[in-house]
């Protein structure tokens, strides 16, 4: 029997988040995180090989003279965070829009003035590949330092065939150049370019972009911004059905700004995840729950838009939905890479318990990006993605905000922070 490469022991609490790899934790299942007092985990060749109490594992045969040991006494050990909704690949920034928001300008008003997504599109198109990668690497380093070990990254700041393909290629390159595992999502339907109508651009996405994305195997998912003033229900459905025909899995930005039937469409198409959902109707929530759609909630976006409007997480949980949490990392509505901040906001404004928030940021988020068989929980056979948090218990994690609680990040069994 080989001995473990790494042994983390004596944790105040180890949250395994186990038992939900086959399907996401739904409704009341989100209340249990599998806490082990004086917990320990052993990792060999990048994979978890033993989980339990420190006393049990010290006598398991996995610990040898060459095993590196980390004492987590007084600390909380959790799976690495999974961020299932980001727009982290872009160039430039939009800090000048803050004053417009303070003066009352809405998201869509800023977009119509040539700001918002279209501003980032211009800056990204003008940047070189190396400039985009350098700026994105900085954000990915920040994510990793805050405990994110797996993240979805969307295209959508190109809005042309050439630029969307470039973005997806850069996401795939970055996946090989730094520790965070990246899941690429094609989001050519992020906004309508100025020279197009919604109808003509929708046709362009379907006829020109999707075939190339699929042929070159550049993305796992397709997403669309389904919102009045952006892409209608009809256009969104056409794009998503075409994407499905090309073998892409489906996501949808739904009911962020208005209750417009996006959640109902997500349920009807049985997409993997519906995202934002601030204005989802009762009927929409029921449709999502009935069809097993994961709700990806983005409280940092709500916080930054300062409209005092948050998704109805409690209603969703009571309906039996599986919820995930994400940063929505982007240059406009959510310029943050911090999943710990998202957990705090989820507890304060979505009224989720710390247990629900942790499950939503780990195993359910892993399901939202199709990686729950590999990451999202501390279980034998999973990838050794583990965090040691400088907090004494789970309640303390969202309680103490504005600081980074992540002391140690272990990615595939290797210390990366």
Protein backbone atom coordinates (compact mmCIF):
# COMPACT_ATOMS: atom_id res chain seq x y z
CA UNK A 1 0.00 0.00 0.00
CA UNK A 2 1.45 3.42 -0.93
CA UNK A 3 1.47 6.25 1.57
CA UNK A 4 -0.27 9.58 1.04
CA UNK A 5 1.58 12.55 -0.41
CA UNK A 6 -0.35 14.99 1.77
CA UNK A 7 -2.19 14.61 5.08
CA UNK A 8 -4.32 17.44 6.50
CA UNK A 9 -5.25 16.71 10.08
CA UNK A 10 -6.75 18.02 13.32
CA UNK A 11 -9.18 20.43 11.67
CA UNK A 12 -11.68 21.95 14.06
CA UNK A 13 -14.24 20.93 11.46
CA UNK A 14 -13.95 19.30 8.06
CA UNK A 15 -16.95 19.93 5.79
CA UNK A 16 -17.01 17.04 3.33
CA UNK A 17 -20.19 18.18 1.49
CA UNK A 18 -20.45 14.51 0.62
CA UNK A 19 -23.26 12.40 -0.76
CA UNK A 20 -24.35 14.64 -3.64
CA UNK A 21 -22.05 13.69 -6.49
CA UNK A 22 -24.71 11.82 -8.45
CA UNK A 23 -27.20 14.69 -8.33
CA UNK A 24 -27.17 18.16 -6.76
CA UNK A 25 -28.48 18.79 -3.27
CA UNK A 26 -32.07 20.04 -3.64
CA UNK A 27 -34.30 21.88 -1.21
CA UNK A 28 -33.82 20.71 2.37
CA UNK A 29 -30.88 18.51 1.34
CA UNK A 30 -28.84 21.71 1.20
CA UNK A 31 -28.84 21.91 5.00
CA UNK A 32 -26.28 19.16 5.61
CA UNK A 33 -22.56 19.60 4.85
CA UNK A 34 -21.13 16.43 6.42
CA UNK A 35 -19.14 18.03 9.23
CA UNK A 36 -16.42 15.94 10.88
CA UNK A 37 -14.89 17.22 14.12
CA UNK A 38 -11.11 16.87 14.38
CA UNK A 39 -11.30 15.98 10.71
CA UNK A 40 -8.59 14.79 8.36
CA UNK A 41 -8.07 14.06 4.68
CA UNK A 42 -5.31 12.16 2.87
CA UNK A 43 -4.32 12.82 -0.75
CA UNK A 44 -2.25 10.58 -3.03
CA UNK A 45 -1.22 11.41 -6.59
CA UNK A 46 -3.66 14.33 -6.70
CA UNK A 47 -6.69 12.34 -5.55
CA UNK A 48 -8.41 12.03 -2.18
CA UNK A 49 -7.81 8.56 -0.75
CA UNK A 50 -9.12 8.83 2.82
CA UNK A 51 -11.49 11.07 4.78
CA UNK A 52 -12.49 10.85 8.42
CA UNK A 53 -11.44 11.79 11.92
CA UNK A 54 -7.78 12.43 12.58
CA UNK A 55 -7.62 9.44 14.95
CA UNK A 56 -9.07 7.11 12.30
CA UNK A 57 -6.77 8.26 9.53
CA UNK A 58 -3.63 8.19 11.64
CA UNK A 59 -4.18 4.44 11.94
CA UNK A 60 -5.32 3.89 8.35
CA UNK A 61 -1.94 3.00 6.87
CA UNK A 62 -1.90 6.01 4.56
CA UNK A 63 0.51 8.05 6.68
CA UNK A 64 4.21 7.38 6.21
CA UNK A 65 7.57 9.09 6.78
CA UNK A 66 7.44 10.82 3.37
CA UNK A 67 3.89 12.15 3.82
CA UNK A 68 3.73 15.94 4.06
CA UNK A 69 1.50 16.84 7.00
CA UNK A 70 -0.47 20.05 7.59
CA UNK A 71 -1.88 20.76 11.03
CA UNK A 72 -5.29 22.44 10.61
CA UNK A 73 -6.02 22.75 14.33
CA UNK A 74 -8.44 25.62 14.96
CA UNK A 75 -9.31 25.82 11.25
CA UNK A 76 -12.19 24.89 8.94
CA UNK A 77 -11.40 22.60 5.99
CA UNK A 78 -13.72 22.63 2.95
CA UNK A 79 -13.70 21.67 -0.71
CA UNK A 80 -12.27 24.23 -3.10
CA UNK A 81 -14.90 26.72 -4.23
CA UNK A 82 -16.42 26.27 -7.68
CA UNK A 83 -17.46 29.52 -9.41
CA UNK A 84 -20.04 28.48 -12.04
CA UNK A 85 -20.75 31.90 -13.63
CA UNK A 86 -18.00 34.33 -14.62
CA UNK A 87 -17.12 36.69 -17.45
CA UNK A 88 -13.49 36.79 -16.33
CA UNK A 89 -11.89 37.05 -19.79
CA UNK A 90 -11.84 40.67 -20.93
CA UNK A 91 -9.65 43.73 -21.30
CA UNK A 92 -10.02 47.15 -19.69
CA UNK A 93 -12.37 48.26 -16.94
CA UNK A 94 -15.50 50.36 -16.42
CA UNK A 95 -14.97 52.23 -13.16
CA UNK A 96 -16.31 55.43 -14.77
CA UNK A 97 -19.79 53.85 -14.82
CA UNK A 98 -19.94 53.92 -11.03
CA UNK A 99 -20.79 57.64 -11.01
CA UNK A 100 -23.55 57.01 -13.57
CA UNK A 101 -25.05 54.32 -11.35
CA UNK A 102 -24.83 56.60 -8.32
CA UNK A 103 -26.81 59.19 -10.28
CA UNK A 104 -29.51 56.62 -11.02
CA UNK A 105 -28.69 55.36 -14.51
CA UNK A 106 -29.94 51.80 -15.04
CA UNK A 107 -27.99 48.89 -16.49
CA UNK A 108 -29.86 49.07 -19.80
CA UNK A 109 -29.61 52.89 -19.94
CA UNK A 110 -25.82 52.67 -19.64
CA UNK A 111 -25.83 50.00 -22.36
CA UNK A 112 -27.85 52.22 -24.70
CA UNK A 113 -25.32 55.05 -24.17
CA UNK A 114 -22.61 52.78 -25.57
CA UNK A 115 -21.38 51.73 -22.15
CA UNK A 116 -21.85 48.44 -20.37
CA UNK A 117 -21.08 45.31 -22.34
CA UNK A 118 -20.44 47.25 -25.56
CA UNK A 119 -17.74 49.32 -23.83
CA UNK A 120 -15.92 46.16 -22.76
CA UNK A 121 -16.36 44.71 -26.26
CA UNK A 122 -14.51 47.71 -27.73
CA UNK A 123 -11.68 47.50 -25.19
CA UNK A 124 -11.31 43.74 -25.61
CA UNK A 125 -11.28 43.86 -29.40
CA UNK A 126 -8.56 46.52 -29.31
CA UNK A 127 -6.35 44.52 -26.95
CA UNK A 128 -3.79 41.93 -28.06
CA UNK A 129 -4.05 38.29 -27.05
CA UNK A 130 -1.20 38.76 -24.59
CA UNK A 131 -2.81 41.83 -23.04
CA UNK A 132 -6.09 39.99 -22.55
CA UNK A 133 -4.35 36.97 -21.07
CA UNK A 134 -2.21 39.06 -18.73
CA UNK A 135 -5.24 40.89 -17.35
CA UNK A 136 -7.25 37.69 -17.03
CA UNK A 137 -4.39 35.84 -15.35
CA UNK A 138 -4.36 38.52 -12.68
CA UNK A 139 -8.06 37.91 -12.00
CA UNK A 140 -7.58 34.13 -11.97
CA UNK A 141 -4.75 34.52 -9.45
CA UNK A 142 -7.10 36.58 -7.27
CA UNK A 143 -9.79 33.87 -7.60
CA UNK A 144 -7.35 31.16 -6.60
CA UNK A 145 -6.15 33.16 -3.61
CA UNK A 146 -9.77 33.49 -2.49
CA UNK A 147 -10.32 29.74 -2.70
CA UNK A 148 -11.75 29.21 -6.19
CA UNK A 149 -10.21 26.10 -7.73
CA UNK A 150 -12.68 25.60 -10.62
CA UNK A 151 -14.45 28.30 -12.62
CA UNK A 152 -16.68 28.66 -15.65
CA UNK A 153 -15.64 31.46 -18.03
CA UNK A 154 -17.94 32.85 -20.73
CA UNK A 155 -17.05 34.49 -24.00
CA UNK A 156 -19.31 37.38 -25.04
CA UNK A 157 -17.03 40.41 -25.26
CA UNK A 158 -16.34 39.85 -28.95
CA UNK A 159 -19.79 39.72 -30.62
CA UNK A 160 -18.29 38.72 -33.95
CA UNK A 161 -17.24 35.34 -35.30
CA UNK A 162 -13.52 36.11 -35.21
CA UNK A 163 -13.56 37.69 -31.74
CA UNK A 164 -15.78 35.09 -30.12
CA UNK A 165 -13.56 32.30 -31.43
CA UNK A 166 -10.51 34.22 -30.19
CA UNK A 167 -12.02 34.54 -26.71
CA UNK A 168 -12.81 30.84 -26.45
CA UNK A 169 -9.33 29.90 -27.66
CA UNK A 170 -7.79 32.18 -25.03
CA UNK A 171 -9.93 30.60 -22.30
CA UNK A 172 -8.70 27.18 -23.36
CA UNK A 173 -5.08 28.38 -23.43
CA UNK A 174 -5.41 29.89 -19.97
CA UNK A 175 -6.79 26.61 -18.67
CA UNK A 176 -3.40 25.07 -19.40
CA UNK A 177 -1.33 27.96 -18.07
CA UNK A 178 -2.50 28.33 -14.46
CA UNK A 179 -3.99 26.14 -11.68
CA UNK A 180 -7.72 27.03 -11.77
CA UNK A 181 -9.69 24.55 -13.92
CA UNK A 182 -11.66 26.58 -16.49
CA UNK A 183 -14.90 25.53 -18.17
CA UNK A 184 -15.51 27.50 -21.41
CA UNK A 185 -19.00 28.75 -22.28
CA UNK A 186 -19.92 30.32 -25.62
CA UNK A 187 -21.97 33.46 -25.09
CA UNK A 188 -22.01 35.20 -28.44
CA UNK A 189 -25.57 36.21 -27.52
CA UNK A 190 -24.40 38.56 -24.75
CA UNK A 191 -25.58 41.76 -26.44
CA UNK A 192 -26.72 42.91 -29.88
CA UNK A 193 -23.94 44.78 -31.75
CA UNK A 194 -24.84 48.32 -32.92
CA UNK A 195 -24.89 47.41 -36.62
CA UNK A 196 -27.39 44.56 -36.21
CA UNK A 197 -31.02 44.09 -35.33
CA UNK A 198 -31.81 41.40 -32.79
CA UNK A 199 -33.24 39.23 -35.56
CA UNK A 200 -30.26 39.50 -37.91
CA UNK A 201 -27.72 38.99 -35.13
CA UNK A 202 -29.62 35.98 -33.78
CA UNK A 203 -29.46 34.48 -37.27
CA UNK A 204 -25.73 35.22 -37.43
CA UNK A 205 -25.11 33.47 -34.09
CA UNK A 206 -27.03 30.41 -35.26
CA UNK A 207 -25.74 30.17 -38.82
CA UNK A 208 -22.14 31.33 -38.46
CA UNK A 209 -20.92 31.24 -34.86
CA UNK A 210 -22.37 28.04 -33.43
CA UNK A 211 -21.16 25.77 -36.26
CA UNK A 212 -17.57 27.00 -35.86
CA UNK A 213 -17.61 26.80 -32.06
CA UNK A 214 -18.87 23.23 -32.27
CA UNK A 215 -16.54 22.20 -35.10
CA UNK A 216 -13.48 23.48 -33.25
CA UNK A 217 -14.70 22.04 -29.92
CA UNK A 218 -14.07 25.31 -28.11
CA UNK A 219 -16.89 25.34 -25.54
CA UNK A 220 -18.85 22.97 -23.31
CA UNK A 221 -21.86 25.24 -22.83
CA UNK A 222 -23.88 27.89 -24.64
CA UNK A 223 -25.44 30.79 -22.76
CA UNK A 224 -27.72 33.64 -23.85
CA UNK A 225 -28.78 36.90 -22.19
CA UNK A 226 -32.56 36.45 -22.26
CA UNK A 227 -33.95 39.83 -21.28
CA UNK A 228 -36.28 42.44 -22.83
CA UNK A 229 -34.05 44.87 -24.68
CA UNK A 230 -31.39 42.22 -25.26
CA UNK A 231 -32.59 38.81 -26.55
CA UNK A 232 -36.28 37.94 -26.53
CA UNK A 233 -37.72 34.61 -25.47
CA UNK A 234 -38.09 33.65 -29.14
CA UNK A 235 -34.51 34.54 -30.05
CA UNK A 236 -33.14 32.91 -26.91
CA UNK A 237 -35.01 29.68 -27.57
CA UNK A 238 -33.81 29.56 -31.19
CA UNK A 239 -30.18 30.04 -30.16
CA UNK A 240 -30.32 27.49 -27.34
CA UNK A 241 -32.07 24.85 -29.44
CA UNK A 242 -29.50 25.31 -32.20
CA UNK A 243 -26.69 25.02 -29.63
CA UNK A 244 -28.17 21.82 -28.28
CA UNK A 245 -28.31 20.41 -31.82
CA UNK A 246 -24.57 21.06 -32.06
CA UNK A 247 -23.94 19.12 -28.85
CA UNK A 248 -23.46 22.04 -26.45
CA UNK A 249 -24.99 21.97 -22.97
CA UNK A 250 -27.25 24.87 -22.12
CA UNK A 251 -27.28 27.80 -19.68
CA UNK A 252 -29.39 30.94 -19.68
CA UNK A 253 -29.25 34.42 -18.13
CA UNK A 254 -32.90 34.66 -17.07
CA UNK A 255 -35.18 37.21 -15.41
CA UNK A 256 -32.38 39.42 -14.10
CA UNK A 257 -34.02 42.79 -14.75
CA UNK A 258 -37.65 41.88 -15.46
CA UNK A 259 -39.96 38.93 -15.00
CA UNK A 260 -40.20 38.06 -18.66
CA UNK A 261 -40.58 34.29 -18.82
CA UNK A 262 -36.90 33.37 -18.85
CA UNK A 263 -37.24 30.92 -15.97
CA UNK A 264 -40.23 29.28 -17.64
CA UNK A 265 -38.20 28.91 -20.84
CA UNK A 266 -35.30 27.43 -18.88
CA UNK A 267 -37.63 24.86 -17.38
CA UNK A 268 -39.18 24.00 -20.71
CA UNK A 269 -35.77 23.48 -22.35
CA UNK A 270 -34.40 21.72 -19.25
CA UNK A 271 -31.18 23.71 -19.37
CA UNK A 272 -28.43 22.77 -16.95
CA UNK A 273 -28.64 26.09 -15.12
CA UNK A 274 -30.65 29.29 -15.10
CA UNK A 275 -28.67 32.26 -13.83
CA UNK A 276 -29.52 35.52 -12.00
CA UNK A 277 -33.30 34.91 -11.49
CA UNK A 278 -33.86 38.09 -9.47
CA UNK A 279 -37.31 38.60 -11.00
CA UNK A 280 -38.30 34.97 -11.59
CA UNK A 281 -42.04 34.44 -11.17
CA UNK A 282 -43.70 31.80 -8.99
CA UNK A 283 -44.51 29.89 -12.17
CA UNK A 284 -40.91 30.17 -13.31
CA UNK A 285 -39.54 28.89 -10.01
CA UNK A 286 -41.95 25.94 -10.15
CA UNK A 287 -40.86 25.18 -13.72
CA UNK A 288 -37.20 25.21 -12.71
CA UNK A 289 -37.81 22.93 -9.73
CA UNK A 290 -39.98 20.50 -11.70
CA UNK A 291 -37.37 20.13 -14.45
CA UNK A 292 -34.26 19.84 -12.31
CA UNK A 293 -32.71 23.13 -13.43
CA UNK A 294 -30.01 24.47 -11.11
CA UNK A 295 -30.51 28.09 -10.10
CA UNK A 296 -27.20 29.97 -10.14
CA UNK A 297 -27.63 33.03 -7.93
CA UNK A 298 -25.36 36.07 -8.07
CA UNK A 299 -25.82 38.21 -4.95
CA UNK A 300 -22.65 40.25 -5.60
CA UNK A 301 -24.28 41.56 -8.77
CA UNK A 302 -27.41 42.58 -6.88
CA UNK A 303 -25.24 44.22 -4.21
CA UNK A 304 -23.20 46.16 -6.78
CA UNK A 305 -26.25 47.33 -8.76
CA UNK A 306 -27.61 48.74 -5.47
CA UNK A 307 -31.27 48.21 -6.36
CA UNK A 308 -32.04 46.32 -3.12
CA UNK A 309 -33.39 43.43 -5.17
CA UNK A 310 -32.22 39.87 -4.62
CA UNK A 311 -33.26 36.46 -5.90
CA UNK A 312 -35.85 34.65 -3.76
CA UNK A 313 -33.59 31.87 -2.58
CA UNK A 314 -35.86 30.76 0.25
CA UNK A 315 -38.82 30.29 -2.08
CA UNK A 316 -36.60 28.35 -4.46
CA UNK A 317 -35.31 26.07 -1.72
CA UNK A 318 -38.83 25.48 -0.42
CA UNK A 319 -39.89 24.49 -3.95
CA UNK A 320 -37.11 21.88 -3.97
CA UNK A 321 -34.66 23.62 -6.29
CA UNK A 322 -30.92 23.05 -6.27
CA UNK A 323 -29.10 26.37 -5.89
CA UNK A 324 -25.53 27.35 -6.71
CA UNK A 325 -23.66 30.58 -6.02
CA UNK A 326 -21.24 32.46 -8.27
CA UNK A 327 -19.38 35.76 -8.42
CA UNK A 328 -20.51 36.84 -11.92
CA UNK A 329 -16.98 38.28 -12.12
CA UNK A 330 -17.21 40.95 -14.84
CA UNK A 331 -16.06 44.55 -15.38
CA UNK A 332 -19.46 46.18 -14.99
CA UNK A 333 -22.06 44.73 -12.68
CA UNK A 334 -19.82 42.55 -10.48
CA UNK A 335 -16.11 43.41 -10.52
CA UNK A 336 -15.08 40.87 -7.88
CA UNK A 337 -13.38 37.48 -7.76
CA UNK A 338 -14.25 36.69 -4.13
CA UNK A 339 -16.39 33.66 -3.39
CA UNK A 340 -16.11 34.30 0.39
CA UNK A 341 -17.81 37.67 -0.18
CA UNK A 342 -20.52 35.90 -2.18
CA UNK A 343 -21.16 33.52 0.73
CA UNK A 344 -21.58 36.47 3.10
CA UNK A 345 -24.01 38.21 0.75
CA UNK A 346 -25.94 34.96 0.24
CA UNK A 347 -26.46 34.61 3.97
CA UNK A 348 -27.36 38.26 4.58
CA UNK A 349 -29.52 39.02 1.55
CA UNK A 350 -30.62 35.68 0.10
CA UNK A 351 -31.33 34.45 3.65
CA UNK A 352 -29.43 31.23 3.06
CA UNK A 353 -27.88 29.40 5.99
CA UNK A 354 -24.08 28.98 6.07
CA UNK A 355 -24.60 25.30 5.28
CA UNK A 356 -26.77 26.07 2.25
CA UNK A 357 -24.31 28.69 1.04
CA UNK A 358 -21.36 26.30 1.28
CA UNK A 359 -23.15 23.57 -0.64
CA UNK A 360 -24.17 26.15 -3.26
CA UNK A 361 -20.55 27.26 -3.63
CA UNK A 362 -19.10 23.75 -3.90
CA UNK A 363 -20.95 20.59 -4.96
CA UNK A 364 -24.03 22.26 -6.48
CA UNK A 365 -21.79 24.70 -8.32
CA UNK A 366 -19.80 21.72 -9.60
CA UNK A 367 -23.03 20.20 -10.96
CA UNK A 368 -23.77 23.52 -12.69
CA UNK A 369 -20.57 23.12 -14.72
CA UNK A 370 -20.75 19.35 -15.18
CA UNK A 371 -17.78 18.52 -12.93
CA UNK A 372 -19.42 17.05 -9.82
CA UNK A 373 -17.81 13.68 -10.50
CA UNK A 374 -14.39 15.31 -10.03
CA UNK A 375 -14.68 18.31 -7.71
CA UNK A 376 -16.98 20.05 -5.23
CA UNK A 377 -16.70 17.69 -2.25
CA UNK A 378 -14.11 15.99 -0.09
CA UNK A 379 -14.75 12.33 -0.90
CA UNK A 380 -12.57 9.39 -1.80
CA UNK A 381 -11.79 9.40 -5.51
CA UNK A 382 -12.33 13.12 -6.00
CA UNK A 383 -9.64 15.54 -7.13
CA UNK A 384 -7.63 16.85 -4.19
CA UNK A 385 -9.01 20.42 -4.26
CA UNK A 386 -9.11 21.47 -0.60
CA UNK A 387 -9.15 24.73 1.35
CA UNK A 388 -7.89 25.42 4.85
CA UNK A 389 -9.78 28.45 6.15
CA UNK A 390 -8.55 30.50 9.09
CA UNK A 391 -11.95 30.39 10.77
CA UNK A 392 -12.98 28.17 13.71
CA UNK A 393 -16.30 26.96 12.29
CA UNK A 394 -18.68 27.29 9.35
CA UNK A 395 -20.80 30.05 10.91
CA UNK A 396 -17.71 32.23 11.22
CA UNK A 397 -16.99 32.05 7.47
CA UNK A 398 -19.82 34.38 6.30
CA UNK A 399 -19.86 36.27 9.61
CA UNK A 400 -16.42 37.87 9.29
CA UNK A 401 -16.48 39.72 5.98
CA UNK A 402 -14.18 42.09 4.12
CA UNK A 403 -11.11 39.91 4.67
CA UNK A 404 -9.82 36.79 2.94
CA UNK A 405 -10.29 33.77 5.23
CA UNK A 406 -8.39 31.40 2.93
CA UNK A 407 -5.09 30.39 4.50
CA UNK A 408 -4.13 27.45 2.28
CA UNK A 409 -5.27 26.34 -1.18
CA UNK A 410 -4.54 22.80 -2.32
CA UNK A 411 -5.16 22.09 -6.01
CA UNK A 412 -4.98 18.48 -7.22
CA UNK A 413 -3.03 17.64 -4.09
CA UNK A 414 -0.46 20.44 -4.48
CA UNK A 415 -0.10 23.54 -2.33
CA UNK A 416 -0.72 26.56 -4.56
CA UNK A 417 -1.22 29.12 -1.76
